[in-house]
Amino acid sequence: MKQLAFFVDVSACSGCKTCQMACKDKHDLPVGQLWRRVYEVAGGGWQARGPAWVSSVIAYHLSVGCNHCERPICVEVCPSGAARKREDGIVLIDGERCLGCGYCRWACPYGAPQYDEAHGVMAKCHLCYDEIDAGRQPVCVTACPMRALEVGDLADLRSLHGAAADAYPLPPPSHTEPALVIKPHPGAATTDRPSFSIINREEVGREGR
């Protein structure tokens, strides 16, 4: 069965947040609701090597939406059956059946589902399934000036770019098996992960772990 997935080239992302703005514009999202968030991450420091000090400081941006997981915990915990997974792997929330209870939000390690106060239901990135069904890419992908985002079949993306789905501040991929492939920043592997921190934690909200 086909599993659609996001590819994120962290080494190319400039942090312009055009993907985030395109998503808000297409879906007319209110202030405070972000279906796609761009994390600003910095880490590293300085190490003494003999008489010299050597820098390991790096900074990068990570664009994150719903990862349409292979094992979506939001679908597992939804008491009304509103959360479901299409045959192509896209995870949807049916607003007609949603109770607005927030279980999906509590369970999702990525904080993708968000409460829609205007309609009293949960909502999230649905991979612009209308664009997908028309043979086009989601608006976050087409809007990116750096071409750092792509949507395709998970197996194909892994074949092209490797199977990595882990980058700070994301949780371990073993939790929900996200349909996500990440090309990391080249400096990330040479910097101690505990030294990383989220610079825009207030903007990304409680999901900024």
C-alpha atoms as a PDB file:
ATOM      1  CA  MET A   1       0.000   0.000   0.000  1.00  0.00           C
ATOM      2  CA  LYS A   2       1.282   3.463  -0.897  1.00  0.00           C
ATOM      3  CA  GLN A   3       2.315   5.708   1.981  1.00  0.00           C
ATOM      4  CA  LEU A   4       2.675   9.393   1.173  1.00  0.00           C
ATOM      5  CA  ALA A   5       5.362  11.164   3.178  1.00  0.00           C
ATOM      6  CA  PHE A   6       7.162  14.465   3.636  1.00  0.00           C
ATOM      7  CA  PHE A   7      10.819  14.968   2.775  1.00  0.00           C
ATOM      8  CA  VAL A   8      12.480  17.878   4.584  1.00  0.00           C
ATOM      9  CA  ASP A   9      15.915  19.097   3.533  1.00  0.00           C
ATOM     10  CA  VAL A  10      17.082  20.800   6.711  1.00  0.00           C
ATOM     11  CA  SER A  11      20.380  21.699   5.049  1.00  0.00           C
ATOM     12  CA  ALA A  12      18.476  23.844   2.517  1.00  0.00           C
ATOM     13  CA  CYS A  13      15.797  25.440   4.722  1.00  0.00           C
ATOM     14  CA  SER A  14      16.426  29.162   5.261  1.00  0.00           C
ATOM     15  CA  GLY A  15      13.768  29.591   7.945  1.00  0.00           C
ATOM     16  CA  CYS A  16      11.758  32.071   5.854  1.00  0.00           C
ATOM     17  CA  LYS A  17       8.476  30.419   6.986  1.00  0.00           C
ATOM     18  CA  THR A  18       6.881  30.790   3.562  1.00  0.00           C
ATOM     19  CA  CYS A  19       5.588  27.216   3.963  1.00  0.00           C
ATOM     20  CA  GLN A  20       3.919  28.201   7.224  1.00  0.00           C
ATOM     21  CA  MET A  21       2.349  31.313   5.700  1.00  0.00           C
ATOM     22  CA  ALA A  22       1.122  29.454   2.594  1.00  0.00           C
ATOM     23  CA  CYS A  23      -0.563  26.876   4.814  1.00  0.00           C
ATOM     24  CA  LYS A  24      -2.283  29.538   6.934  1.00  0.00           C
ATOM     25  CA  ASP A  25      -3.415  31.379   3.824  1.00  0.00           C
ATOM     26  CA  LYS A  26      -4.864  28.370   2.000  1.00  0.00           C
ATOM     27  CA  HIS A  27      -6.743  27.073   5.031  1.00  0.00           C
ATOM     28  CA  ASP A  28      -7.651  30.500   6.467  1.00  0.00           C
ATOM     29  CA  LEU A  29      -6.239  29.576   9.869  1.00  0.00           C
ATOM     30  CA  PRO A  30      -6.853  32.003  12.737  1.00  0.00           C
ATOM     31  CA  VAL A  31      -4.134  33.704  14.764  1.00  0.00           C
ATOM     32  CA  GLY A  32      -2.400  31.211  17.019  1.00  0.00           C
ATOM     33  CA  GLN A  33      -3.205  28.136  14.935  1.00  0.00           C
ATOM     34  CA  LEU A  34      -0.327  26.700  12.933  1.00  0.00           C
ATOM     35  CA  TRP A  35      -0.670  23.458  11.002  1.00  0.00           C
ATOM     36  CA  ARG A  36       2.989  23.835  10.017  1.00  0.00           C
ATOM     37  CA  ARG A  37       5.636  25.199  12.361  1.00  0.00           C
ATOM     38  CA  VAL A  38       9.222  26.199  11.634  1.00  0.00           C
ATOM     39  CA  TYR A  39      11.597  25.543  14.511  1.00  0.00           C
ATOM     40  CA  GLU A  40      14.669  27.724  14.901  1.00  0.00           C
ATOM     41  CA  VAL A  41      17.393  25.578  16.462  1.00  0.00           C
ATOM     42  CA  ALA A  42      20.880  26.451  17.640  1.00  0.00           C
ATOM     43  CA  GLY A  43      23.553  24.443  19.377  1.00  0.00           C
ATOM     44  CA  GLY A  44      27.209  23.822  19.933  1.00  0.00           C
ATOM     45  CA  GLY A  45      29.807  25.934  21.621  1.00  0.00           C
ATOM     46  CA  TRP A  46      33.531  26.457  21.849  1.00  0.00           C
ATOM     47  CA  GLN A  47      36.186  23.901  22.784  1.00  0.00           C
ATOM     48  CA  ALA A  48      39.756  24.561  23.819  1.00  0.00           C
ATOM     49  CA  ARG A  49      42.305  22.797  21.646  1.00  0.00           C
ATOM     50  CA  GLY A  50      45.736  23.653  22.926  1.00  0.00           C
ATOM     51  CA  PRO A  51      46.152  27.416  22.834  1.00  0.00           C
ATOM     52  CA  ALA A  52      43.214  27.863  20.435  1.00  0.00           C
ATOM     53  CA  TRP A  53      39.436  27.813  20.772  1.00  0.00           C
ATOM     54  CA  VAL A  54      37.492  25.929  18.104  1.00  0.00           C
ATOM     55  CA  SER A  55      33.817  26.604  17.339  1.00  0.00           C
ATOM     56  CA  SER A  56      31.193  23.872  16.939  1.00  0.00           C
ATOM     57  CA  VAL A  57      28.296  26.357  16.817  1.00  0.00           C
ATOM     58  CA  ILE A  58      25.565  25.579  14.275  1.00  0.00           C
ATOM     59  CA  ALA A  59      22.042  26.825  13.605  1.00  0.00           C
ATOM     60  CA  TYR A  60      19.316  25.367  11.441  1.00  0.00           C
ATOM     61  CA  HIS A  61      15.582  25.456  10.778  1.00  0.00           C
ATOM     62  CA  LEU A  62      13.170  22.529  10.768  1.00  0.00           C
ATOM     63  CA  SER A  63       9.739  22.747   9.118  1.00  0.00           C
ATOM     64  CA  VAL A  64       7.239  20.362  10.734  1.00  0.00           C
ATOM     65  CA  GLY A  65       3.560  19.597  10.112  1.00  0.00           C
ATOM     66  CA  CYS A  66       1.549  16.440  10.620  1.00  0.00           C
ATOM     67  CA  ASN A  67       3.736  13.483   9.683  1.00  0.00           C
ATOM     68  CA  HIS A  68       0.849  11.209   8.608  1.00  0.00           C
ATOM     69  CA  CYS A  69       2.421   8.422  10.615  1.00  0.00           C
ATOM     70  CA  GLU A  70       2.511   4.799   9.561  1.00  0.00           C
ATOM     71  CA  ARG A  71       1.141   4.040  13.029  1.00  0.00           C
ATOM     72  CA  PRO A  72      -0.892   7.190  13.820  1.00  0.00           C
ATOM     73  CA  ILE A  73      -1.567   7.379  17.548  1.00  0.00           C
ATOM     74  CA  CYS A  74      -4.274   9.998  16.894  1.00  0.00           C
ATOM     75  CA  VAL A  75      -6.316   7.362  15.052  1.00  0.00           C
ATOM     76  CA  GLU A  76      -5.777   4.833  17.830  1.00  0.00           C
ATOM     77  CA  VAL A  77      -7.014   7.089  20.640  1.00  0.00           C
ATOM     78  CA  CYS A  78      -9.891   8.872  18.882  1.00  0.00           C
ATOM     79  CA  PRO A  79     -13.085   7.797  20.726  1.00  0.00           C
ATOM     80  CA  SER A  80     -15.461   8.797  17.921  1.00  0.00           C
ATOM     81  CA  GLY A  81     -13.592   7.405  14.934  1.00  0.00           C
ATOM     82  CA  ALA A  82     -13.196  10.894  13.496  1.00  0.00           C
ATOM     83  CA  ALA A  83      -9.485  10.366  12.889  1.00  0.00           C
ATOM     84  CA  ARG A  84      -8.824   7.953  10.063  1.00  0.00           C
ATOM     85  CA  LYS A  85      -6.133   7.032   7.585  1.00  0.00           C
ATOM     86  CA  ARG A  86      -6.707   6.978   3.822  1.00  0.00           C
ATOM     87  CA  GLU A  87      -5.350   4.224   1.596  1.00  0.00           C
ATOM     88  CA  ASP A  88      -2.547   6.544   0.485  1.00  0.00           C
ATOM     89  CA  GLY A  89      -1.484   7.154   4.088  1.00  0.00           C
ATOM     90  CA  ILE A  90      -3.000  10.610   4.588  1.00  0.00           C
ATOM     91  CA  VAL A  91      -4.416  10.964   8.112  1.00  0.00           C
ATOM     92  CA  LEU A  92      -7.626  12.996   8.278  1.00  0.00           C
ATOM     93  CA  ILE A  93      -9.953  14.280  11.010  1.00  0.00           C
ATOM     94  CA  ASP A  94     -13.646  14.234  10.101  1.00  0.00           C
ATOM     95  CA  GLY A  95     -15.115  17.438  11.531  1.00  0.00           C
ATOM     96  CA  GLU A  96     -18.626  15.968  11.399  1.00  0.00           C
ATOM     97  CA  ARG A  97     -17.670  13.176  13.811  1.00  0.00           C
ATOM     98  CA  CYS A  98     -15.067  14.946  15.941  1.00  0.00           C
ATOM     99  CA  LEU A  99     -16.056  15.600  19.580  1.00  0.00           C
ATOM    100  CA  GLY A 100     -13.352  18.190  20.172  1.00  0.00           C
ATOM    101  CA  CYS A 101     -12.136  16.186  23.166  1.00  0.00           C
ATOM    102  CA  GLY A 102      -8.465  16.766  22.409  1.00  0.00           C
ATOM    103  CA  TYR A 103      -7.320  13.177  22.994  1.00  0.00           C
ATOM    104  CA  CYS A 104      -5.502  13.206  19.636  1.00  0.00           C
ATOM    105  CA  ARG A 105      -3.585  16.332  20.588  1.00  0.00           C
ATOM    106  CA  TRP A 106      -2.542  14.897  23.939  1.00  0.00           C
ATOM    107  CA  ALA A 107      -1.399  11.653  22.346  1.00  0.00           C
ATOM    108  CA  CYS A 108       0.443  13.044  19.305  1.00  0.00           C
ATOM    109  CA  PRO A 109       4.167  13.469  20.084  1.00  0.00           C
ATOM    110  CA  TYR A 110       4.354  16.154  17.395  1.00  0.00           C
ATOM    111  CA  GLY A 111       1.391  18.188  18.650  1.00  0.00           C
ATOM    112  CA  ALA A 112      -0.105  18.184  15.146  1.00  0.00           C
ATOM    113  CA  PRO A 113      -3.847  18.215  15.995  1.00  0.00           C
ATOM    114  CA  GLN A 114      -5.025  21.611  17.260  1.00  0.00           C
ATOM    115  CA  TYR A 115      -8.325  22.779  18.649  1.00  0.00           C
ATOM    116  CA  ASP A 116     -10.436  24.840  16.247  1.00  0.00           C
ATOM    117  CA  GLU A 117     -12.340  27.135  18.611  1.00  0.00           C
ATOM    118  CA  ALA A 118     -14.612  28.498  15.888  1.00  0.00           C
ATOM    119  CA  HIS A 119     -16.006  25.051  15.081  1.00  0.00           C
ATOM    120  CA  GLY A 120     -15.382  23.202  18.347  1.00  0.00           C
ATOM    121  CA  VAL A 121     -13.390  20.408  16.700  1.00  0.00           C
ATOM    122  CA  MET A 122      -9.805  19.279  16.270  1.00  0.00           C
ATOM    123  CA  ALA A 123      -8.004  20.103  13.024  1.00  0.00           C
ATOM    124  CA  LYS A 124      -4.560  19.606  11.535  1.00  0.00           C
ATOM    125  CA  CYS A 125      -2.518  19.378   8.340  1.00  0.00           C
ATOM    126  CA  HIS A 126      -4.291  17.027   5.946  1.00  0.00           C
ATOM    127  CA  LEU A 127      -1.497  17.104   3.355  1.00  0.00           C
ATOM    128  CA  CYS A 128      -3.650  19.348   1.136  1.00  0.00           C
ATOM    129  CA  TYR A 129      -5.421  16.211  -0.037  1.00  0.00           C
ATOM    130  CA  ASP A 130      -7.404  18.274  -2.518  1.00  0.00           C
ATOM    131  CA  GLU A 131      -4.140  19.221  -4.216  1.00  0.00           C
ATOM    132  CA  ILE A 132      -2.868  15.641  -3.991  1.00  0.00           C
ATOM    133  CA  ASP A 133      -6.074  14.304  -5.553  1.00  0.00           C
ATOM    134  CA  ALA A 134      -5.624  16.795  -8.402  1.00  0.00           C
ATOM    135  CA  GLY A 135      -2.082  15.570  -9.027  1.00  0.00           C
ATOM    136  CA  ARG A 136      -0.354  18.532  -7.397  1.00  0.00           C
ATOM    137  CA  GLN A 137       1.902  19.015  -4.367  1.00  0.00           C
ATOM    138  CA  PRO A 138       0.707  20.605  -1.090  1.00  0.00           C
ATOM    139  CA  VAL A 139       0.957  24.402  -0.903  1.00  0.00           C
ATOM    140  CA  CYS A 140       3.768  24.282   1.671  1.00  0.00           C
ATOM    141  CA  VAL A 141       5.847  22.401  -0.898  1.00  0.00           C
ATOM    142  CA  THR A 142       5.069  24.604  -3.897  1.00  0.00           C
ATOM    143  CA  ALA A 143       5.591  27.802  -1.866  1.00  0.00           C
ATOM    144  CA  CYS A 144       9.073  26.905  -0.577  1.00  0.00           C
ATOM    145  CA  PRO A 145      11.625  29.106  -2.391  1.00  0.00           C
ATOM    146  CA  MET A 146      14.495  26.810  -1.389  1.00  0.00           C
ATOM    147  CA  ARG A 147      12.738  23.597  -2.528  1.00  0.00           C
ATOM    148  CA  ALA A 148      13.418  22.177   0.931  1.00  0.00           C
ATOM    149  CA  LEU A 149      10.079  20.341   1.083  1.00  0.00           C
ATOM    150  CA  GLU A 150       8.720  17.497  -1.009  1.00  0.00           C
ATOM    151  CA  VAL A 151       5.880  14.982  -0.813  1.00  0.00           C
ATOM    152  CA  GLY A 152       6.159  11.536  -2.367  1.00  0.00           C
ATOM    153  CA  ASP A 153       5.921   7.841  -1.694  1.00  0.00           C
ATOM    154  CA  LEU A 154       7.757   6.989   1.531  1.00  0.00           C
ATOM    155  CA  ALA A 155       9.653   4.065   0.004  1.00  0.00           C
ATOM    156  CA  ASP A 156      10.800   6.204  -2.917  1.00  0.00           C
ATOM    157  CA  LEU A 157      11.911   9.059  -0.663  1.00  0.00           C
ATOM    158  CA  ARG A 158      13.855   6.677   1.558  1.00  0.00           C
ATOM    159  CA  SER A 159      15.506   5.166  -1.491  1.00  0.00           C
ATOM    160  CA  LEU A 160      16.578   8.609  -2.701  1.00  0.00           C
ATOM    161  CA  HIS A 161      17.471  10.300   0.581  1.00  0.00           C
ATOM    162  CA  GLY A 162      17.915   7.586   3.231  1.00  0.00           C
ATOM    163  CA  ALA A 163      15.597   6.593   6.054  1.00  0.00           C
ATOM    164  CA  ALA A 164      16.396   9.265   8.648  1.00  0.00           C
ATOM    165  CA  ALA A 165      13.303  10.666  10.392  1.00  0.00           C
ATOM    166  CA  ASP A 166      14.990  12.128  13.437  1.00  0.00           C
ATOM    167  CA  ALA A 167      16.273  15.622  14.150  1.00  0.00           C
ATOM    168  CA  TYR A 168      16.177  17.799  17.244  1.00  0.00           C
ATOM    169  CA  PRO A 169      13.592  18.677  18.583  1.00  0.00           C
ATOM    170  CA  LEU A 170      11.530  15.770  17.204  1.00  0.00           C
ATOM    171  CA  PRO A 171      10.807  12.762  19.445  1.00  0.00           C
ATOM    172  CA  PRO A 172      12.201   9.325  18.545  1.00  0.00           C
ATOM    173  CA  PRO A 173      10.525   8.052  15.351  1.00  0.00           C
ATOM    174  CA  SER A 174       9.839   4.699  17.004  1.00  0.00           C
ATOM    175  CA  HIS A 175       6.890   6.280  18.854  1.00  0.00           C
ATOM    176  CA  THR A 176       4.558   6.517  15.863  1.00  0.00           C
ATOM    177  CA  GLU A 177       6.700   5.646  12.819  1.00  0.00           C
ATOM    178  CA  PRO A 178       6.260   9.024  11.087  1.00  0.00           C
ATOM    179  CA  ALA A 179       6.036   9.116   7.289  1.00  0.00           C
ATOM    180  CA  LEU A 180       8.938  11.522   7.246  1.00  0.00           C
ATOM    181  CA  VAL A 181      12.387  11.605   5.674  1.00  0.00           C
ATOM    182  CA  ILE A 182      14.890  14.223   6.809  1.00  0.00           C
ATOM    183  CA  LYS A 183      18.154  15.358   5.291  1.00  0.00           C
ATOM    184  CA  PRO A 184      19.899  16.753   8.365  1.00  0.00           C
ATOM    185  CA  HIS A 185      22.005  19.852   8.662  1.00  0.00           C
ATOM    186  CA  PRO A 186      25.615  18.788   7.939  1.00  0.00           C
ATOM    187  CA  GLY A 187      26.820  20.170  11.260  1.00  0.00           C
ATOM    188  CA  ALA A 188      24.214  18.409  13.397  1.00  0.00           C
ATOM    189  CA  ALA A 189      26.146  15.149  13.610  1.00  0.00           C
ATOM    190  CA  THR A 190      29.271  16.911  14.888  1.00  0.00           C
ATOM    191  CA  THR A 191      27.521  18.791  17.687  1.00  0.00           C
ATOM    192  CA  ASP A 192      26.342  17.276  20.976  1.00  0.00           C
ATOM    193  CA  ARG A 193      22.543  17.005  20.824  1.00  0.00           C
ATOM    194  CA  PRO A 194      22.080  18.079  24.480  1.00  0.00           C
ATOM    195  CA  SER A 195      23.544  21.459  23.569  1.00  0.00           C
ATOM    196  CA  PHE A 196      20.734  22.209  21.085  1.00  0.00           C
ATOM    197  CA  SER A 197      17.928  24.554  22.053  1.00  0.00           C
ATOM    198  CA  ILE A 198      14.819  25.994  20.383  1.00  0.00           C
ATOM    199  CA  ILE A 199      15.208  29.721  19.827  1.00  0.00           C
ATOM    200  CA  ASN A 200      11.546  30.444  18.995  1.00  0.00           C
ATOM    201  CA  ARG A 201       9.899  28.270  21.631  1.00  0.00           C
ATOM    202  CA  GLU A 202       7.165  30.823  22.327  1.00  0.00           C
ATOM    203  CA  GLU A 203       6.141  30.847  18.662  1.00  0.00           C
ATOM    204  CA  VAL A 204       5.938  27.078  18.184  1.00  0.00           C
ATOM    205  CA  GLY A 205       4.036  26.621  21.447  1.00  0.00           C
ATOM    206  CA  ARG A 206       3.931  23.672  23.797  1.00  0.00           C
ATOM    207  CA  GLU A 207       5.022  21.360  20.974  1.00  0.00           C
ATOM    208  CA  GLY A 208       8.454  22.986  21.098  1.00  0.00           C
ATOM    209  CA  ARG A 209      10.158  20.260  23.042  1.00  0.00           C
END
